[in-house]
Protein backbone atom coordinates (compact mmCIF):
# COMPACT_ATOMS: atom_id res chain seq x y z
CA MET A 1 -21.55 44.57 -6.15
CA SER A 2 -21.43 41.43 -4.13
CA ALA A 3 -19.76 41.06 -0.79
CA PRO A 4 -17.35 38.11 -0.29
CA THR A 5 -18.68 35.30 1.79
CA HIS A 6 -16.63 33.70 4.43
CA THR A 7 -17.53 30.39 5.84
CA PRO A 8 -16.27 29.67 9.26
CA ALA A 9 -13.77 26.73 9.55
CA PRO A 10 -15.23 23.67 11.25
CA ARG A 11 -14.07 23.22 14.79
CA ALA A 12 -11.76 20.27 15.19
CA LEU A 13 -12.60 17.72 17.86
CA GLY A 14 -9.43 16.60 19.42
CA ALA A 15 -7.56 17.16 22.66
CA ASN A 16 -9.08 20.45 23.28
CA ALA A 17 -12.74 19.21 23.17
CA ARG A 18 -14.54 19.67 26.40
CA LEU A 19 -17.68 18.25 27.76
CA HIS A 20 -20.18 20.11 29.89
CA TRP A 21 -20.41 18.99 33.57
CA TRP A 22 -23.86 17.56 33.08
CA ALA A 23 -22.84 15.43 30.06
CA LEU A 24 -21.10 13.09 32.50
CA ALA A 25 -23.07 13.75 35.72
CA LEU A 26 -26.56 12.91 34.35
CA PRO A 27 -25.62 9.43 33.04
CA ALA A 28 -23.75 8.71 36.13
CA LEU A 29 -26.74 9.75 38.27
CA ALA A 30 -29.17 7.75 36.14
CA PHE A 31 -26.92 4.70 36.46
CA GLY A 32 -26.64 5.13 40.25
CA LEU A 33 -30.38 5.47 40.63
CA LEU A 34 -31.08 2.43 38.49
CA LEU A 35 -28.52 0.46 40.36
CA LEU A 36 -30.11 1.58 43.68
CA LEU A 37 -33.50 0.40 42.43
CA LEU A 38 -32.09 -3.06 41.50
CA ALA A 39 -30.15 -3.42 44.73
CA GLY A 40 -33.08 -2.48 46.95
CA SER A 41 -35.76 -4.48 45.10
CA GLY A 42 -34.96 -7.65 47.17
CA GLN A 43 -35.48 -5.89 50.42
CA ALA A 44 -38.89 -4.44 49.83
CA GLN A 45 -40.89 -3.90 53.06
CA ALA A 46 -43.82 -1.89 54.28
CA HIS A 47 -43.24 1.79 55.18
CA SER A 48 -43.28 2.19 59.00
CA GLY A 49 -43.85 5.97 58.91
CA ALA A 50 -41.25 6.62 61.56
CA THR A 51 -38.42 7.70 59.36
CA SER A 52 -38.45 10.27 56.52
CA SER A 53 -37.83 9.35 52.98
CA LEU A 54 -34.52 11.24 52.87
CA VAL A 55 -33.21 8.99 55.65
CA GLN A 56 -34.39 5.95 53.85
CA VAL A 57 -32.71 7.04 50.58
CA THR A 58 -29.45 7.77 52.39
CA GLU A 59 -29.60 4.33 54.09
CA GLN A 60 -30.09 2.62 50.72
CA LEU A 61 -27.16 4.61 49.25
CA LEU A 62 -25.03 3.52 52.16
CA ASN A 63 -26.14 -0.12 51.88
CA ALA A 64 -25.50 -0.14 48.15
CA ALA A 65 -22.03 1.44 48.42
CA GLY A 66 -20.77 -0.76 51.31
C-alpha cells in the first residue's frame, strides 16, 4: 500500500515577496564604507593620538555627508 505524495506548490514571487532587513542594510553599509575610504584617501595624515578612533570615524562620516 503506497501513500499518496504531495509536492508543495512553489511560492510565487510577486508583490508579497519580502526581503530581510540585512539584505538591504549590508550592501548599503558596504557601499558607505567604501565611499568613506575613497573620500578620505586624499586627506591622509599622521595620527596625533589626541582623539579616539570613534571621533575620527564620526568626523569622516560628517565630512563625507556634508
